[in-house]
Amino acid sequence: MDEETPTGLARLWQPAESQDRRPRLGLSLDRVVDAAIALADDGGLEAVSMARVAERLGFTTMSLYRYVANKNELVLFMHDRAWLPSDYQDDPDRPWRARLADWTLQMRATLHRHLWLERVRTTERLGTPSQLTWQDRGLATLEHTPLSEQEKSQVLLLLNAHVFYDARVISDFLQAERPGQGYEETAGAYFAMVRQVADSDRFPALRRAVDAGAFDDLTDTGFSDINAVFLFGLDCILDGVEHLVSGRA
């Protein structure tokens, strides 16, 4: 690789026809990326290596370097393809809140199909076509509101953080999950621990919450359904955005 060779990010922005995607003996950039995504879907991002991708495709590891410079570039290509909202749907005639909620939920659904995406560092995915596509479509949901463009972008950042934290929690539970230690079991054990250790002298506010039943049975507290927890947070955020929109109007 010499200094004139475009970086992975620059290659993503090149027209497809200008990139060397022609198969050679059955191997191509598309096949390499697809095989790596399949490995990550099955075993997480840590399951991806140049050697494992080559083995999955039935080629030597060195043959992959014709298409990607290294694993970091491969992950960038994987992220851009898996994160691209190819089946995104929006109705511009609907109210902004419904459109923005759908944008958030569709982003969450895409992330849940490829949970390893949340392990790709923010700095590594900035400026990719897929990332900017999500941003453009999110901004479109707010185009008829009185918010400034800066405020619209900050609203999207807030919702993006909500989506990615949700994915991190789910990913962590799946990675650590063993029989009898799923989400409900782990959360239930945490609640039981809080009830036991939250004394009124050291944790007075927490003790008040315990006494009020906030850490009782998961079903009673609303924490038994992780989707319901996400939707509660989404509604709170959108309520705040709606308040901001009303103030601007």
C-alpha atoms as a PDB file:
ATOM      1  CA  MET A   1       0.000   0.000   0.000  1.00  0.00           C
ATOM      2  CA  ASP A   2       1.572   3.306  -1.043  1.00  0.00           C
ATOM      3  CA  GLU A   3       0.676   6.858  -0.021  1.00  0.00           C
ATOM      4  CA  GLU A   4      -1.521   7.331  -3.093  1.00  0.00           C
ATOM      5  CA  THR A   5      -3.679   4.338  -2.244  1.00  0.00           C
ATOM      6  CA  PRO A   6      -7.073   5.567  -0.973  1.00  0.00           C
ATOM      7  CA  THR A   7      -7.997   4.827   2.624  1.00  0.00           C
ATOM      8  CA  GLY A   8     -10.889   2.521   3.448  1.00  0.00           C
ATOM      9  CA  LEU A   9     -13.181   5.510   4.021  1.00  0.00           C
ATOM     10  CA  ALA A  10     -12.179   7.052   0.697  1.00  0.00           C
ATOM     11  CA  ARG A  11     -12.819   3.729  -1.041  1.00  0.00           C
ATOM     12  CA  LEU A  12     -16.321   3.595   0.429  1.00  0.00           C
ATOM     13  CA  TRP A  13     -17.096   6.897  -1.268  1.00  0.00           C
ATOM     14  CA  GLN A  14     -15.782   5.818  -4.660  1.00  0.00           C
ATOM     15  CA  PRO A  15     -18.420   4.809  -7.236  1.00  0.00           C
ATOM     16  CA  ALA A  16     -18.803   1.043  -7.249  1.00  0.00           C
ATOM     17  CA  GLU A  17     -17.807   0.845 -10.896  1.00  0.00           C
ATOM     18  CA  SER A  18     -14.476   2.530 -10.142  1.00  0.00           C
ATOM     19  CA  GLN A  19     -13.555  -0.068  -7.531  1.00  0.00           C
ATOM     20  CA  ASP A  20     -11.975  -3.374  -8.367  1.00  0.00           C
ATOM     21  CA  ARG A  21     -14.889  -5.643  -7.461  1.00  0.00           C
ATOM     22  CA  ARG A  22     -14.386  -8.096 -10.303  1.00  0.00           C
ATOM     23  CA  PRO A  23     -14.231 -11.680  -9.040  1.00  0.00           C
ATOM     24  CA  ARG A  24     -10.897 -13.417  -9.419  1.00  0.00           C
ATOM     25  CA  LEU A  25     -11.220 -17.178  -9.349  1.00  0.00           C
ATOM     26  CA  GLY A  26     -14.480 -16.771  -7.463  1.00  0.00           C
ATOM     27  CA  LEU A  27     -13.242 -14.220  -4.904  1.00  0.00           C
ATOM     28  CA  SER A  28     -14.399 -10.614  -4.712  1.00  0.00           C
ATOM     29  CA  LEU A  29     -14.629  -7.732  -2.244  1.00  0.00           C
ATOM     30  CA  ASP A  30     -18.355  -8.346  -1.850  1.00  0.00           C
ATOM     31  CA  ARG A  31     -17.803 -12.003  -0.973  1.00  0.00           C
ATOM     32  CA  VAL A  32     -15.087 -11.118   1.520  1.00  0.00           C
ATOM     33  CA  VAL A  33     -17.293  -8.565   3.279  1.00  0.00           C
ATOM     34  CA  ASP A  34     -20.336 -10.846   3.285  1.00  0.00           C
ATOM     35  CA  ALA A  35     -18.335 -13.720   4.768  1.00  0.00           C
ATOM     36  CA  ALA A  36     -16.959 -11.455   7.494  1.00  0.00           C
ATOM     37  CA  ILE A  37     -20.458 -10.196   8.348  1.00  0.00           C
ATOM     38  CA  ALA A  38     -21.691 -13.784   8.629  1.00  0.00           C
ATOM     39  CA  LEU A  39     -18.872 -14.595  11.045  1.00  0.00           C
ATOM     40  CA  ALA A  40     -19.659 -11.517  13.151  1.00  0.00           C
ATOM     41  CA  ASP A  41     -23.382 -12.316  13.203  1.00  0.00           C
ATOM     42  CA  ASP A  42     -22.595 -15.802  14.501  1.00  0.00           C
ATOM     43  CA  GLY A  43     -19.831 -15.059  16.992  1.00  0.00           C
ATOM     44  CA  GLY A  44     -19.443 -11.329  17.439  1.00  0.00           C
ATOM     45  CA  LEU A  45     -16.790  -8.997  16.102  1.00  0.00           C
ATOM     46  CA  GLU A  46     -14.061 -10.885  17.934  1.00  0.00           C
ATOM     47  CA  ALA A  47     -14.836 -13.934  15.760  1.00  0.00           C
ATOM     48  CA  VAL A  48     -13.655 -12.064  12.661  1.00  0.00           C
ATOM     49  CA  SER A  49     -10.073 -12.418  11.497  1.00  0.00           C
ATOM     50  CA  MET A  50      -8.514 -12.426   8.065  1.00  0.00           C
ATOM     51  CA  ALA A  51      -7.650 -16.097   8.520  1.00  0.00           C
ATOM     52  CA  ARG A  52     -11.187 -17.087   9.505  1.00  0.00           C
ATOM     53  CA  VAL A  53     -12.728 -15.168   6.621  1.00  0.00           C
ATOM     54  CA  ALA A  54     -10.312 -16.842   4.198  1.00  0.00           C
ATOM     55  CA  GLU A  55     -11.091 -20.252   5.657  1.00  0.00           C
ATOM     56  CA  ARG A  56     -14.828 -19.653   5.325  1.00  0.00           C
ATOM     57  CA  LEU A  57     -14.364 -18.756   1.667  1.00  0.00           C
ATOM     58  CA  GLY A  58     -11.896 -21.543   0.942  1.00  0.00           C
ATOM     59  CA  PHE A  59      -9.005 -19.260   0.019  1.00  0.00           C
ATOM     60  CA  THR A  60      -5.634 -18.393   1.512  1.00  0.00           C
ATOM     61  CA  THR A  61      -5.367 -15.482   3.921  1.00  0.00           C
ATOM     62  CA  MET A  62      -3.005 -13.634   1.597  1.00  0.00           C
ATOM     63  CA  SER A  63      -5.594 -13.680  -1.179  1.00  0.00           C
ATOM     64  CA  LEU A  64      -7.831 -11.368   0.871  1.00  0.00           C
ATOM     65  CA  TYR A  65      -5.281  -8.556   0.840  1.00  0.00           C
ATOM     66  CA  ARG A  66      -6.055  -7.933  -2.813  1.00  0.00           C
ATOM     67  CA  TYR A  67      -9.408  -6.558  -1.599  1.00  0.00           C
ATOM     68  CA  VAL A  68      -8.814  -5.146   1.899  1.00  0.00           C
ATOM     69  CA  ALA A  69      -5.667  -3.696   3.397  1.00  0.00           C
ATOM     70  CA  ASN A  70      -6.122  -5.150   6.877  1.00  0.00           C
ATOM     71  CA  LYS A  71      -8.740  -6.149   9.434  1.00  0.00           C
ATOM     72  CA  ASN A  72      -9.511  -2.541  10.384  1.00  0.00           C
ATOM     73  CA  GLU A  73     -10.439  -1.759   6.793  1.00  0.00           C
ATOM     74  CA  LEU A  74     -12.468  -4.962   6.603  1.00  0.00           C
ATOM     75  CA  VAL A  75     -14.442  -3.962   9.710  1.00  0.00           C
ATOM     76  CA  LEU A  76     -15.107  -0.554   8.152  1.00  0.00           C
ATOM     77  CA  PHE A  77     -16.490  -2.215   5.017  1.00  0.00           C
ATOM     78  CA  MET A  78     -18.521  -4.653   7.132  1.00  0.00           C
ATOM     79  CA  HIS A  79     -20.002  -1.839   9.179  1.00  0.00           C
ATOM     80  CA  ASP A  80     -20.966   0.233   6.177  1.00  0.00           C
ATOM     81  CA  ARG A  81     -22.743  -2.653   4.483  1.00  0.00           C
ATOM     82  CA  ALA A  82     -24.545  -4.005   7.558  1.00  0.00           C
ATOM     83  CA  TRP A  83     -25.528  -0.555   8.839  1.00  0.00           C
ATOM     84  CA  LEU A  84     -26.884   0.773   5.536  1.00  0.00           C
ATOM     85  CA  PRO A  85     -30.673   1.284   5.910  1.00  0.00           C
ATOM     86  CA  SER A  86     -31.502  -0.532   2.696  1.00  0.00           C
ATOM     87  CA  ASP A  87     -35.142  -1.233   3.629  1.00  0.00           C
ATOM     88  CA  TYR A  88     -35.837   2.077   5.394  1.00  0.00           C
ATOM     89  CA  GLN A  89     -39.408   3.366   5.161  1.00  0.00           C
ATOM     90  CA  ASP A  90     -40.763   6.845   5.833  1.00  0.00           C
ATOM     91  CA  ASP A  91     -43.976   8.724   5.101  1.00  0.00           C
ATOM     92  CA  PRO A  92     -43.368  12.488   4.881  1.00  0.00           C
ATOM     93  CA  ASP A  93     -47.095  13.155   5.379  1.00  0.00           C
ATOM     94  CA  ARG A  94     -47.049  11.781   8.925  1.00  0.00           C
ATOM     95  CA  PRO A  95     -46.377  13.980  11.984  1.00  0.00           C
ATOM     96  CA  TRP A  96     -42.721  14.532  12.810  1.00  0.00           C
ATOM     97  CA  ARG A  97     -42.950  12.648  16.117  1.00  0.00           C
ATOM     98  CA  ALA A  98     -44.257   9.464  14.502  1.00  0.00           C
ATOM     99  CA  ARG A  99     -41.632   9.695  11.763  1.00  0.00           C
ATOM    100  CA  LEU A 100     -38.826  10.277  14.249  1.00  0.00           C
ATOM    101  CA  ALA A 101     -40.014   7.363  16.401  1.00  0.00           C
ATOM    102  CA  ASP A 102     -40.028   5.111  13.339  1.00  0.00           C
ATOM    103  CA  TRP A 103     -36.535   6.301  12.400  1.00  0.00           C
ATOM    104  CA  THR A 104     -35.327   5.337  15.865  1.00  0.00           C
ATOM    105  CA  LEU A 105     -37.068   1.958  15.877  1.00  0.00           C
ATOM    106  CA  GLN A 106     -35.813   1.066  12.398  1.00  0.00           C
ATOM    107  CA  MET A 107     -32.292   1.988  13.459  1.00  0.00           C
ATOM    108  CA  ARG A 108     -32.703  -0.230  16.533  1.00  0.00           C
ATOM    109  CA  ALA A 109     -34.013  -3.125  14.397  1.00  0.00           C
ATOM    110  CA  THR A 110     -31.015  -2.854  12.056  1.00  0.00           C
ATOM    111  CA  LEU A 111     -28.659  -2.852  15.022  1.00  0.00           C
ATOM    112  CA  HIS A 112     -30.360  -5.887  16.563  1.00  0.00           C
ATOM    113  CA  ARG A 113     -29.856  -7.847  13.338  1.00  0.00           C
ATOM    114  CA  HIS A 114     -26.121  -7.204  13.673  1.00  0.00           C
ATOM    115  CA  LEU A 115     -25.442  -6.546  17.356  1.00  0.00           C
ATOM    116  CA  TRP A 116     -21.689  -6.478  16.750  1.00  0.00           C
ATOM    117  CA  LEU A 117     -22.167  -3.089  15.089  1.00  0.00           C
ATOM    118  CA  GLU A 118     -22.262  -1.390  18.477  1.00  0.00           C
ATOM    119  CA  ARG A 119     -18.749  -2.698  19.180  1.00  0.00           C
ATOM    120  CA  VAL A 120     -17.343  -0.663  16.288  1.00  0.00           C
ATOM    121  CA  ARG A 121     -15.961   2.514  17.828  1.00  0.00           C
ATOM    122  CA  THR A 122     -17.719   5.761  16.972  1.00  0.00           C
ATOM    123  CA  THR A 123     -14.530   7.263  15.571  1.00  0.00           C
ATOM    124  CA  GLU A 124     -14.206   4.321  13.182  1.00  0.00           C
ATOM    125  CA  ARG A 125     -17.639   4.739  11.624  1.00  0.00           C
ATOM    126  CA  LEU A 126     -17.836   8.523  11.332  1.00  0.00           C
ATOM    127  CA  GLY A 127     -18.274   9.708   7.787  1.00  0.00           C
ATOM    128  CA  THR A 128     -19.274   6.423   6.201  1.00  0.00           C
ATOM    129  CA  PRO A 129     -22.071   6.448   3.597  1.00  0.00           C
ATOM    130  CA  SER A 130     -24.314   4.385   5.875  1.00  0.00           C
ATOM    131  CA  GLN A 131     -23.818   6.678   8.870  1.00  0.00           C
ATOM    132  CA  LEU A 132     -24.577   9.779   6.815  1.00  0.00           C
ATOM    133  CA  THR A 133     -27.611   8.083   5.265  1.00  0.00           C
ATOM    134  CA  TRP A 134     -29.131   7.506   8.710  1.00  0.00           C
ATOM    135  CA  GLN A 135     -28.331  11.094   9.662  1.00  0.00           C
ATOM    136  CA  ASP A 136     -29.903  12.490   6.507  1.00  0.00           C
ATOM    137  CA  ARG A 137     -33.093  10.494   6.978  1.00  0.00           C
ATOM    138  CA  GLY A 138     -33.309  11.448  10.629  1.00  0.00           C
ATOM    139  CA  LEU A 139     -32.964  15.136   9.774  1.00  0.00           C
ATOM    140  CA  ALA A 140     -35.698  14.729   7.157  1.00  0.00           C
ATOM    141  CA  THR A 141     -38.183  13.726   9.878  1.00  0.00           C
ATOM    142  CA  LEU A 142     -37.650  17.115  11.551  1.00  0.00           C
ATOM    143  CA  GLU A 143     -37.490  19.291   8.434  1.00  0.00           C
ATOM    144  CA  HIS A 144     -40.879  20.942   9.034  1.00  0.00           C
ATOM    145  CA  THR A 145     -40.265  21.725  12.713  1.00  0.00           C
ATOM    146  CA  PRO A 146     -39.049  25.134  13.939  1.00  0.00           C
ATOM    147  CA  LEU A 147     -35.894  23.627  15.413  1.00  0.00           C
ATOM    148  CA  SER A 148     -32.562  24.912  14.182  1.00  0.00           C
ATOM    149  CA  GLU A 149     -30.386  22.546  12.175  1.00  0.00           C
ATOM    150  CA  GLN A 150     -28.015  22.315  15.140  1.00  0.00           C
ATOM    151  CA  GLU A 151     -30.881  21.350  17.452  1.00  0.00           C
ATOM    152  CA  LYS A 152     -32.105  18.722  14.999  1.00  0.00           C
ATOM    153  CA  SER A 153     -28.650  17.165  14.878  1.00  0.00           C
ATOM    154  CA  GLN A 154     -28.444  17.099  18.668  1.00  0.00           C
ATOM    155  CA  VAL A 155     -31.848  15.399  18.883  1.00  0.00           C
ATOM    156  CA  LEU A 156     -30.543  12.683  16.561  1.00  0.00           C
ATOM    157  CA  LEU A 157     -27.411  12.266  18.683  1.00  0.00           C
ATOM    158  CA  LEU A 158     -29.562  11.806  21.787  1.00  0.00           C
ATOM    159  CA  LEU A 159     -31.721   9.144  20.133  1.00  0.00           C
ATOM    160  CA  ASN A 160     -28.659   7.474  18.629  1.00  0.00           C
ATOM    161  CA  ALA A 161     -27.148   7.190  22.111  1.00  0.00           C
ATOM    162  CA  HIS A 162     -30.378   5.637  23.402  1.00  0.00           C
ATOM    163  CA  VAL A 163     -30.358   3.046  20.606  1.00  0.00           C
ATOM    164  CA  PHE A 164     -26.701   2.131  20.978  1.00  0.00           C
ATOM    165  CA  TYR A 165     -26.820   1.847  24.767  1.00  0.00           C
ATOM    166  CA  ASP A 166     -29.812  -0.466  24.426  1.00  0.00           C
ATOM    167  CA  ALA A 167     -27.825  -2.602  21.975  1.00  0.00           C
ATOM    168  CA  ARG A 168     -24.824  -2.662  24.308  1.00  0.00           C
ATOM    169  CA  VAL A 169     -27.001  -3.968  27.178  1.00  0.00           C
ATOM    170  CA  ILE A 170     -28.574  -6.666  25.011  1.00  0.00           C
ATOM    171  CA  SER A 171     -25.208  -7.654  23.536  1.00  0.00           C
ATOM    172  CA  ASP A 172     -23.641  -7.907  26.990  1.00  0.00           C
ATOM    173  CA  PHE A 173     -26.451 -10.111  28.269  1.00  0.00           C
ATOM    174  CA  LEU A 174     -26.255 -12.391  25.229  1.00  0.00           C
ATOM    175  CA  GLN A 175     -22.495 -12.762  25.522  1.00  0.00           C
ATOM    176  CA  ALA A 176     -22.654 -13.597  29.235  1.00  0.00           C
ATOM    177  CA  GLU A 177     -25.867 -15.595  29.071  1.00  0.00           C
ATOM    178  CA  ARG A 178     -25.754 -19.047  30.595  1.00  0.00           C
ATOM    179  CA  PRO A 179     -28.595 -21.308  31.737  1.00  0.00           C
ATOM    180  CA  GLY A 180     -30.456 -19.491  34.476  1.00  0.00           C
ATOM    181  CA  GLN A 181     -28.548 -16.243  33.868  1.00  0.00           C
ATOM    182  CA  GLY A 182     -30.527 -14.461  31.186  1.00  0.00           C
ATOM    183  CA  TYR A 183     -31.809 -10.894  31.328  1.00  0.00           C
ATOM    184  CA  GLU A 184     -34.645 -11.548  33.763  1.00  0.00           C
ATOM    185  CA  GLU A 185     -32.541 -13.705  36.076  1.00  0.00           C
ATOM    186  CA  THR A 186     -29.671 -11.219  36.148  1.00  0.00           C
ATOM    187  CA  ALA A 187     -31.923  -8.197  36.652  1.00  0.00           C
ATOM    188  CA  GLY A 188     -33.874 -10.060  39.333  1.00  0.00           C
ATOM    189  CA  ALA A 189     -30.678 -10.907  41.205  1.00  0.00           C
ATOM    190  CA  TYR A 190     -29.607  -7.261  41.005  1.00  0.00           C
ATOM    191  CA  PHE A 191     -32.960  -6.117  42.397  1.00  0.00           C
ATOM    192  CA  ALA A 192     -32.660  -8.585  45.263  1.00  0.00           C
ATOM    193  CA  MET A 193     -29.166  -7.322  46.047  1.00  0.00           C
ATOM    194  CA  VAL A 194     -30.345  -3.697  46.070  1.00  0.00           C
ATOM    195  CA  ARG A 195     -33.174  -4.542  48.452  1.00  0.00           C
ATOM    196  CA  GLN A 196     -30.668  -6.129  50.795  1.00  0.00           C
ATOM    197  CA  VAL A 197     -27.836  -3.583  50.839  1.00  0.00           C
ATOM    198  CA  ALA A 198     -29.653  -0.249  50.413  1.00  0.00           C
ATOM    199  CA  ASP A 199     -29.718   0.959  54.023  1.00  0.00           C
ATOM    200  CA  SER A 200     -31.290   4.308  54.779  1.00  0.00           C
ATOM    201  CA  ASP A 201     -28.125   5.842  56.263  1.00  0.00           C
ATOM    202  CA  ARG A 202     -25.802   5.243  53.336  1.00  0.00           C
ATOM    203  CA  PHE A 203     -28.330   5.297  50.463  1.00  0.00           C
ATOM    204  CA  PRO A 204     -31.364   7.263  51.709  1.00  0.00           C
ATOM    205  CA  ALA A 205     -32.848   8.039  48.275  1.00  0.00           C
ATOM    206  CA  LEU A 206     -32.312   4.477  47.076  1.00  0.00           C
ATOM    207  CA  ARG A 207     -33.903   3.131  50.245  1.00  0.00           C
ATOM    208  CA  ARG A 208     -36.985   5.260  49.620  1.00  0.00           C
ATOM    209  CA  ALA A 209     -37.219   3.777  46.123  1.00  0.00           C
ATOM    210  CA  VAL A 210     -36.895   0.259  47.536  1.00  0.00           C
ATOM    211  CA  ASP A 211     -39.566   0.902  50.155  1.00  0.00           C
ATOM    212  CA  ALA A 212     -41.859   2.264  47.445  1.00  0.00           C
ATOM    213  CA  GLY A 213     -41.542  -1.018  45.497  1.00  0.00           C
ATOM    214  CA  ALA A 214     -39.295   0.206  42.695  1.00  0.00           C
ATOM    215  CA  PHE A 215     -37.092  -2.870  43.121  1.00  0.00           C
ATOM    216  CA  ASP A 216     -39.760  -5.475  43.721  1.00  0.00           C
ATOM    217  CA  ASP A 217     -40.831  -8.077  41.172  1.00  0.00           C
ATOM    218  CA  LEU A 218     -39.615  -7.306  37.636  1.00  0.00           C
ATOM    219  CA  THR A 219     -43.106  -7.564  36.188  1.00  0.00           C
ATOM    220  CA  ASP A 220     -44.508  -5.097  38.703  1.00  0.00           C
ATOM    221  CA  THR A 221     -41.729  -2.576  38.091  1.00  0.00           C
ATOM    222  CA  GLY A 222     -41.887  -2.766  34.294  1.00  0.00           C
ATOM    223  CA  PHE A 223     -38.323  -4.032  33.888  1.00  0.00           C
ATOM    224  CA  SER A 224     -39.271  -7.538  32.796  1.00  0.00           C
ATOM    225  CA  ASP A 225     -39.559  -6.525  29.127  1.00  0.00           C
ATOM    226  CA  ILE A 226     -36.421  -4.908  27.765  1.00  0.00           C
ATOM    227  CA  ASN A 227     -38.392  -3.640  24.765  1.00  0.00           C
ATOM    228  CA  ALA A 228     -40.819  -1.857  27.102  1.00  0.00           C
ATOM    229  CA  VAL A 229     -37.860  -0.304  28.903  1.00  0.00           C
ATOM    230  CA  PHE A 230     -36.530   0.999  25.596  1.00  0.00           C
ATOM    231  CA  LEU A 231     -39.917   2.394  24.551  1.00  0.00           C
ATOM    232  CA  PHE A 232     -40.328   4.150  27.908  1.00  0.00           C
ATOM    233  CA  GLY A 233     -37.018   5.912  27.354  1.00  0.00           C
ATOM    234  CA  LEU A 234     -37.942   6.748  23.769  1.00  0.00           C
ATOM    235  CA  ASP A 235     -41.234   8.323  24.870  1.00  0.00           C
ATOM    236  CA  CYS A 236     -39.439  10.391  27.504  1.00  0.00           C
ATOM    237  CA  ILE A 237     -36.977  11.697  24.924  1.00  0.00           C
ATOM    238  CA  LEU A 238     -39.706  12.471  22.395  1.00  0.00           C
ATOM    239  CA  ASP A 239     -41.764  14.234  25.071  1.00  0.00           C
ATOM    240  CA  GLY A 240     -38.773  16.483  25.666  1.00  0.00           C
ATOM    241  CA  VAL A 241     -38.299  17.123  21.953  1.00  0.00           C
ATOM    242  CA  GLU A 242     -42.002  17.910  21.594  1.00  0.00           C
ATOM    243  CA  HIS A 243     -41.726  20.401  24.434  1.00  0.00           C
ATOM    244  CA  LEU A 244     -38.769  22.022  22.655  1.00  0.00           C
ATOM    245  CA  VAL A 245     -40.656  22.152  19.352  1.00  0.00           C
ATOM    246  CA  SER A 246     -43.681  23.737  21.063  1.00  0.00           C
ATOM    247  CA  GLY A 247     -41.449  26.357  22.668  1.00  0.00           C
ATOM    248  CA  ARG A 248     -39.872  27.246  19.333  1.00  0.00           C
ATOM    249  CA  ALA A 249     -43.276  27.488  17.665  1.00  0.00           C
END
